[in-house]
Amino acid sequence: MPDASAVIDDLSREPPLATTGSRWRLLTDQVMGGVSEGTIVRDIVAGRVAIRMRGDVSLANNGGFVQMALDLSPDGEAVDASGWSGVELEVFGDGQAYNVHLRTDALTRPWQSYRQTFTAPAEWRTLRLPFEAFIPHRTDAPLDSRRLRRIGVVAIGRAVSVDLALGGLRFMTSLAAPAPKG
């Protein structure tokens, strides 16, 4: 499998367009009556081009999230990621905890996802999130990486000011280099 096929977004296209041809979108709890607010913009963060999400998460009106989300295919169809072991994100943040949410075409409710939490360091860092560590949320179905439809980077569940930059996103092929033989 060539490395180039693993790229989801390298930020080489004019935003909100990703390398895959899909568009980044901002989603907030306002879709369900909440009052959280946010923006996503292309920005230079610590010398690197990035998609930057800023905002304020509020728990008022049963709210509590701000998310930058990307369909993995421009037509919204599922992508078979079974040849990869997870996702890599290049992030720069504010030291806060964030989630990555994966959705498959088998999930029918907007609150269902597969989740993994990370802390966004105050320096550029590549985070490697294996599929096997994503936890089902409000679904009993295990994550099927052959049916991925969307990825979201989310501030959720607590009142917080958000400042997170994403400098690249790709599927990863392994968690570590193979052990030397001999």
C-alpha atoms as a PDB file:
ATOM      1  CA  MET A   1       0.000   0.000   0.000  1.00  0.00           C
ATOM      2  CA  PRO A   2       1.682   3.298  -1.020  1.00  0.00           C
ATOM      3  CA  ASP A   3       2.159   5.913   1.709  1.00  0.00           C
ATOM      4  CA  ALA A   4       0.379   8.619  -0.327  1.00  0.00           C
ATOM      5  CA  SER A   5      -2.904   6.696  -0.108  1.00  0.00           C
ATOM      6  CA  ALA A   6      -2.790   7.020   3.681  1.00  0.00           C
ATOM      7  CA  VAL A   7      -3.109  10.829   3.566  1.00  0.00           C
ATOM      8  CA  ILE A   8      -6.491  12.151   4.648  1.00  0.00           C
ATOM      9  CA  ASP A   9      -5.451  15.812   4.737  1.00  0.00           C
ATOM     10  CA  ASP A  10      -2.001  17.353   4.386  1.00  0.00           C
ATOM     11  CA  LEU A  11      -3.451  20.895   4.176  1.00  0.00           C
ATOM     12  CA  SER A  12      -2.141  21.381   0.647  1.00  0.00           C
ATOM     13  CA  ARG A  13      -5.556  22.456  -0.693  1.00  0.00           C
ATOM     14  CA  GLU A  14      -7.399  25.684  -0.010  1.00  0.00           C
ATOM     15  CA  PRO A  15      -9.567  25.195   3.065  1.00  0.00           C
ATOM     16  CA  PRO A  16     -12.041  24.003   3.912  1.00  0.00           C
ATOM     17  CA  LEU A  17     -11.148  21.456   1.202  1.00  0.00           C
ATOM     18  CA  ALA A  18      -9.114  18.464   2.422  1.00  0.00           C
ATOM     19  CA  THR A  19      -6.653  16.472   0.327  1.00  0.00           C
ATOM     20  CA  THR A  20      -9.352  13.816  -0.162  1.00  0.00           C
ATOM     21  CA  GLY A  21     -11.735  16.360  -1.740  1.00  0.00           C
ATOM     22  CA  SER A  22     -14.027  16.436   1.305  1.00  0.00           C
ATOM     23  CA  ARG A  23     -14.741  19.636   3.225  1.00  0.00           C
ATOM     24  CA  TRP A  24     -13.971  20.366   6.871  1.00  0.00           C
ATOM     25  CA  ARG A  25     -17.046  21.488   8.792  1.00  0.00           C
ATOM     26  CA  LEU A  26     -17.606  23.017  12.184  1.00  0.00           C
ATOM     27  CA  LEU A  27     -20.324  21.341  14.241  1.00  0.00           C
ATOM     28  CA  THR A  28     -21.518  22.571  17.624  1.00  0.00           C
ATOM     29  CA  ASP A  29     -24.195  21.634  20.105  1.00  0.00           C
ATOM     30  CA  GLN A  30     -26.370  24.379  18.574  1.00  0.00           C
ATOM     31  CA  VAL A  31     -27.769  21.647  16.301  1.00  0.00           C
ATOM     32  CA  MET A  32     -29.553  20.347  19.427  1.00  0.00           C
ATOM     33  CA  GLY A  33     -30.304  23.620  21.236  1.00  0.00           C
ATOM     34  CA  GLY A  34     -26.970  24.219  22.967  1.00  0.00           C
ATOM     35  CA  VAL A  35     -25.090  27.512  22.938  1.00  0.00           C
ATOM     36  CA  SER A  36     -21.458  26.508  22.365  1.00  0.00           C
ATOM     37  CA  GLU A  37     -19.694  28.542  19.691  1.00  0.00           C
ATOM     38  CA  GLY A  38     -16.657  28.016  17.539  1.00  0.00           C
ATOM     39  CA  THR A  39     -14.795  28.686  14.327  1.00  0.00           C
ATOM     40  CA  ILE A  40     -12.442  26.780  12.087  1.00  0.00           C
ATOM     41  CA  VAL A  41      -9.979  28.659   9.899  1.00  0.00           C
ATOM     42  CA  ARG A  42      -6.769  28.041   8.064  1.00  0.00           C
ATOM     43  CA  ASP A  43      -3.962  29.609  10.079  1.00  0.00           C
ATOM     44  CA  ILE A  44      -0.214  29.583  10.597  1.00  0.00           C
ATOM     45  CA  VAL A  45       0.438  28.103  14.041  1.00  0.00           C
ATOM     46  CA  ALA A  46       4.014  27.963  15.334  1.00  0.00           C
ATOM     47  CA  GLY A  47       5.303  28.192  11.764  1.00  0.00           C
ATOM     48  CA  ARG A  48       3.018  25.544  10.230  1.00  0.00           C
ATOM     49  CA  VAL A  49      -0.116  25.687   8.123  1.00  0.00           C
ATOM     50  CA  ALA A  50      -3.035  24.294  10.099  1.00  0.00           C
ATOM     51  CA  ILE A  51      -6.781  24.030  10.402  1.00  0.00           C
ATOM     52  CA  ARG A  52      -7.472  25.784  13.690  1.00  0.00           C
ATOM     53  CA  MET A  53     -10.549  25.316  15.838  1.00  0.00           C
ATOM     54  CA  ARG A  54     -11.337  27.953  18.445  1.00  0.00           C
ATOM     55  CA  GLY A  55     -14.379  28.494  20.553  1.00  0.00           C
ATOM     56  CA  ASP A  56     -16.152  28.084  23.834  1.00  0.00           C
ATOM     57  CA  VAL A  57     -17.934  24.943  24.973  1.00  0.00           C
ATOM     58  CA  SER A  58     -20.938  25.632  27.206  1.00  0.00           C
ATOM     59  CA  LEU A  59     -23.000  23.114  29.132  1.00  0.00           C
ATOM     60  CA  ALA A  60     -26.055  25.419  29.065  1.00  0.00           C
ATOM     61  CA  ASN A  61     -29.239  24.043  27.456  1.00  0.00           C
ATOM     62  CA  ASN A  62     -27.894  20.471  27.693  1.00  0.00           C
ATOM     63  CA  GLY A  63     -25.057  21.350  25.325  1.00  0.00           C
ATOM     64  CA  GLY A  64     -21.409  20.615  25.503  1.00  0.00           C
ATOM     65  CA  PHE A  65     -19.380  20.284  22.290  1.00  0.00           C
ATOM     66  CA  VAL A  66     -17.498  22.002  19.486  1.00  0.00           C
ATOM     67  CA  GLN A  67     -16.167  19.803  16.680  1.00  0.00           C
ATOM     68  CA  MET A  68     -14.249  20.015  13.420  1.00  0.00           C
ATOM     69  CA  ALA A  69     -15.372  17.115  11.265  1.00  0.00           C
ATOM     70  CA  LEU A  70     -14.427  15.641   7.910  1.00  0.00           C
ATOM     71  CA  ASP A  71     -16.214  13.047   5.811  1.00  0.00           C
ATOM     72  CA  LEU A  72     -13.523  10.629   4.658  1.00  0.00           C
ATOM     73  CA  SER A  73     -14.968  10.465   1.147  1.00  0.00           C
ATOM     74  CA  PRO A  74     -16.251  13.482  -0.822  1.00  0.00           C
ATOM     75  CA  ASP A  75     -19.496  11.661  -1.600  1.00  0.00           C
ATOM     76  CA  GLY A  76     -20.110  10.737   2.055  1.00  0.00           C
ATOM     77  CA  GLU A  77     -19.681   7.044   1.340  1.00  0.00           C
ATOM     78  CA  ALA A  78     -17.773   4.691   3.629  1.00  0.00           C
ATOM     79  CA  VAL A  79     -14.026   4.232   3.244  1.00  0.00           C
ATOM     80  CA  ASP A  80     -12.325   0.886   3.769  1.00  0.00           C
ATOM     81  CA  ALA A  81      -9.479   1.587   6.206  1.00  0.00           C
ATOM     82  CA  SER A  82      -8.923  -2.060   7.142  1.00  0.00           C
ATOM     83  CA  GLY A  83      -5.429  -1.930   5.624  1.00  0.00           C
ATOM     84  CA  TRP A  84      -4.368   0.546   8.293  1.00  0.00           C
ATOM     85  CA  SER A  85      -4.044   0.234  12.061  1.00  0.00           C
ATOM     86  CA  GLY A  86      -5.344   3.669  13.092  1.00  0.00           C
ATOM     87  CA  VAL A  87      -5.042   7.409  12.506  1.00  0.00           C
ATOM     88  CA  GLU A  88      -2.232   9.909  12.999  1.00  0.00           C
ATOM     89  CA  LEU A  89      -2.907  13.538  13.839  1.00  0.00           C
ATOM     90  CA  GLU A  90      -0.383  16.350  13.892  1.00  0.00           C
ATOM     91  CA  VAL A  91      -1.661  18.641  16.641  1.00  0.00           C
ATOM     92  CA  PHE A  92      -0.748  21.813  18.513  1.00  0.00           C
ATOM     93  CA  GLY A  93      -2.992  22.815  21.348  1.00  0.00           C
ATOM     94  CA  ASP A  94      -3.656  24.353  24.672  1.00  0.00           C
ATOM     95  CA  GLY A  95      -2.888  21.428  26.987  1.00  0.00           C
ATOM     96  CA  GLN A  96      -6.572  20.464  27.148  1.00  0.00           C
ATOM     97  CA  ALA A  97      -8.142  17.056  26.591  1.00  0.00           C
ATOM     98  CA  TYR A  98      -9.885  16.491  23.245  1.00  0.00           C
ATOM     99  CA  ASN A  99     -11.483  13.494  21.563  1.00  0.00           C
ATOM    100  CA  VAL A 100     -11.251  11.943  18.147  1.00  0.00           C
ATOM    101  CA  HIS A 101     -14.617  10.524  17.116  1.00  0.00           C
ATOM    102  CA  LEU A 102     -14.953   8.025  14.288  1.00  0.00           C
ATOM    103  CA  ARG A 103     -18.278   7.236  12.647  1.00  0.00           C
ATOM    104  CA  THR A 104     -19.140   4.358  10.364  1.00  0.00           C
ATOM    105  CA  ASP A 105     -21.999   4.034   7.899  1.00  0.00           C
ATOM    106  CA  ALA A 106     -23.575   1.518  10.299  1.00  0.00           C
ATOM    107  CA  LEU A 107     -24.249   4.147  12.982  1.00  0.00           C
ATOM    108  CA  THR A 108     -27.725   5.636  12.646  1.00  0.00           C
ATOM    109  CA  ARG A 109     -27.918   8.104  15.561  1.00  0.00           C
ATOM    110  CA  PRO A 110     -25.923  11.362  15.699  1.00  0.00           C
ATOM    111  CA  TRP A 111     -24.722  10.667  19.264  1.00  0.00           C
ATOM    112  CA  GLN A 112     -23.150   7.318  18.332  1.00  0.00           C
ATOM    113  CA  SER A 113     -19.421   7.150  17.649  1.00  0.00           C
ATOM    114  CA  TYR A 114     -16.138   5.475  18.502  1.00  0.00           C
ATOM    115  CA  ARG A 115     -14.023   7.678  20.762  1.00  0.00           C
ATOM    116  CA  GLN A 116     -10.472   8.147  21.893  1.00  0.00           C
ATOM    117  CA  THR A 117      -9.201  10.966  24.130  1.00  0.00           C
ATOM    118  CA  PHE A 118      -5.880  12.800  23.775  1.00  0.00           C
ATOM    119  CA  THR A 119      -4.188  15.813  25.330  1.00  0.00           C
ATOM    120  CA  ALA A 120      -3.205  18.535  22.870  1.00  0.00           C
ATOM    121  CA  PRO A 121       0.368  19.589  23.694  1.00  0.00           C
ATOM    122  CA  ALA A 122       1.533  23.207  23.425  1.00  0.00           C
ATOM    123  CA  GLU A 123       3.957  22.188  20.669  1.00  0.00           C
ATOM    124  CA  TRP A 124       3.584  20.347  17.371  1.00  0.00           C
ATOM    125  CA  ARG A 125       3.379  16.636  17.970  1.00  0.00           C
ATOM    126  CA  THR A 126       2.230  13.607  15.980  1.00  0.00           C
ATOM    127  CA  LEU A 127      -0.282  11.506  17.892  1.00  0.00           C
ATOM    128  CA  ARG A 128      -0.925   7.914  16.873  1.00  0.00           C
ATOM    129  CA  LEU A 129      -4.371   6.564  17.722  1.00  0.00           C
ATOM    130  CA  PRO A 130      -4.867   2.839  17.019  1.00  0.00           C
ATOM    131  CA  PHE A 131      -8.319   1.686  15.910  1.00  0.00           C
ATOM    132  CA  GLU A 132      -8.295  -0.977  18.630  1.00  0.00           C
ATOM    133  CA  ALA A 133      -8.227   1.750  21.339  1.00  0.00           C
ATOM    134  CA  PHE A 134     -11.394   3.535  20.119  1.00  0.00           C
ATOM    135  CA  ILE A 135     -14.257   2.980  22.559  1.00  0.00           C
ATOM    136  CA  PRO A 136     -17.838   2.503  21.284  1.00  0.00           C
ATOM    137  CA  HIS A 137     -20.129   5.287  22.524  1.00  0.00           C
ATOM    138  CA  ARG A 138     -23.865   4.547  22.684  1.00  0.00           C
ATOM    139  CA  THR A 139     -23.534   1.573  20.393  1.00  0.00           C
ATOM    140  CA  ASP A 140     -22.890  -2.104  21.027  1.00  0.00           C
ATOM    141  CA  ALA A 141     -21.351  -2.630  17.595  1.00  0.00           C
ATOM    142  CA  PRO A 142     -17.557  -2.955  17.475  1.00  0.00           C
ATOM    143  CA  LEU A 143     -15.642  -0.513  15.267  1.00  0.00           C
ATOM    144  CA  ASP A 144     -15.504  -1.835  11.702  1.00  0.00           C
ATOM    145  CA  SER A 145     -12.640   0.009   9.986  1.00  0.00           C
ATOM    146  CA  ARG A 146     -13.933  -1.222   6.606  1.00  0.00           C
ATOM    147  CA  ARG A 147     -16.909   1.143   6.989  1.00  0.00           C
ATOM    148  CA  LEU A 148     -15.450   4.477   8.183  1.00  0.00           C
ATOM    149  CA  ARG A 149     -17.386   7.533   7.098  1.00  0.00           C
ATOM    150  CA  ARG A 150     -16.323  10.515   9.216  1.00  0.00           C
ATOM    151  CA  ILE A 151     -13.638  11.676  11.614  1.00  0.00           C
ATOM    152  CA  GLY A 152     -14.140  14.489  14.094  1.00  0.00           C
ATOM    153  CA  VAL A 153     -11.841  16.276  16.517  1.00  0.00           C
ATOM    154  CA  VAL A 154     -13.988  17.336  19.439  1.00  0.00           C
ATOM    155  CA  ALA A 155     -13.973  19.368  22.640  1.00  0.00           C
ATOM    156  CA  ILE A 156     -16.807  17.774  24.601  1.00  0.00           C
ATOM    157  CA  GLY A 157     -18.423  17.315  27.966  1.00  0.00           C
ATOM    158  CA  ARG A 158     -17.073  20.263  29.939  1.00  0.00           C
ATOM    159  CA  ALA A 159     -17.186  24.058  29.817  1.00  0.00           C
ATOM    160  CA  VAL A 160     -13.872  25.074  28.264  1.00  0.00           C
ATOM    161  CA  SER A 161     -12.260  27.554  25.894  1.00  0.00           C
ATOM    162  CA  VAL A 162     -10.942  25.724  22.841  1.00  0.00           C
ATOM    163  CA  ASP A 163      -7.791  26.375  20.797  1.00  0.00           C
ATOM    164  CA  LEU A 164      -6.569  23.404  18.781  1.00  0.00           C
ATOM    165  CA  ALA A 165      -4.618  23.277  15.520  1.00  0.00           C
ATOM    166  CA  LEU A 166      -4.474  20.276  13.191  1.00  0.00           C
ATOM    167  CA  GLY A 167      -1.467  20.212  10.857  1.00  0.00           C
ATOM    168  CA  GLY A 168      -2.103  16.891   9.149  1.00  0.00           C
ATOM    169  CA  LEU A 169      -4.236  13.779   9.280  1.00  0.00           C
ATOM    170  CA  ARG A 170      -3.554  10.333   7.844  1.00  0.00           C
ATOM    171  CA  PHE A 171      -4.131   6.659   8.330  1.00  0.00           C
ATOM    172  CA  MET A 172      -1.218   4.876   9.978  1.00  0.00           C
ATOM    173  CA  THR A 173       0.150   1.518   8.998  1.00  0.00           C
ATOM    174  CA  SER A 174       1.653   0.381  12.304  1.00  0.00           C
ATOM    175  CA  LEU A 175       2.272   1.538  15.844  1.00  0.00           C
ATOM    176  CA  ALA A 176       5.968   0.790  15.992  1.00  0.00           C
ATOM    177  CA  ALA A 177       8.824  -0.313  13.825  1.00  0.00           C
ATOM    178  CA  PRO A 178       9.273  -4.085  13.710  1.00  0.00           C
ATOM    179  CA  ALA A 179      11.699  -5.524  16.206  1.00  0.00           C
ATOM    180  CA  PRO A 180      15.166  -6.260  14.784  1.00  0.00           C
ATOM    181  CA  LYS A 181      15.765  -9.902  13.882  1.00  0.00           C
ATOM    182  CA  GLY A 182      18.639 -11.891  15.174  1.00  0.00           C
END
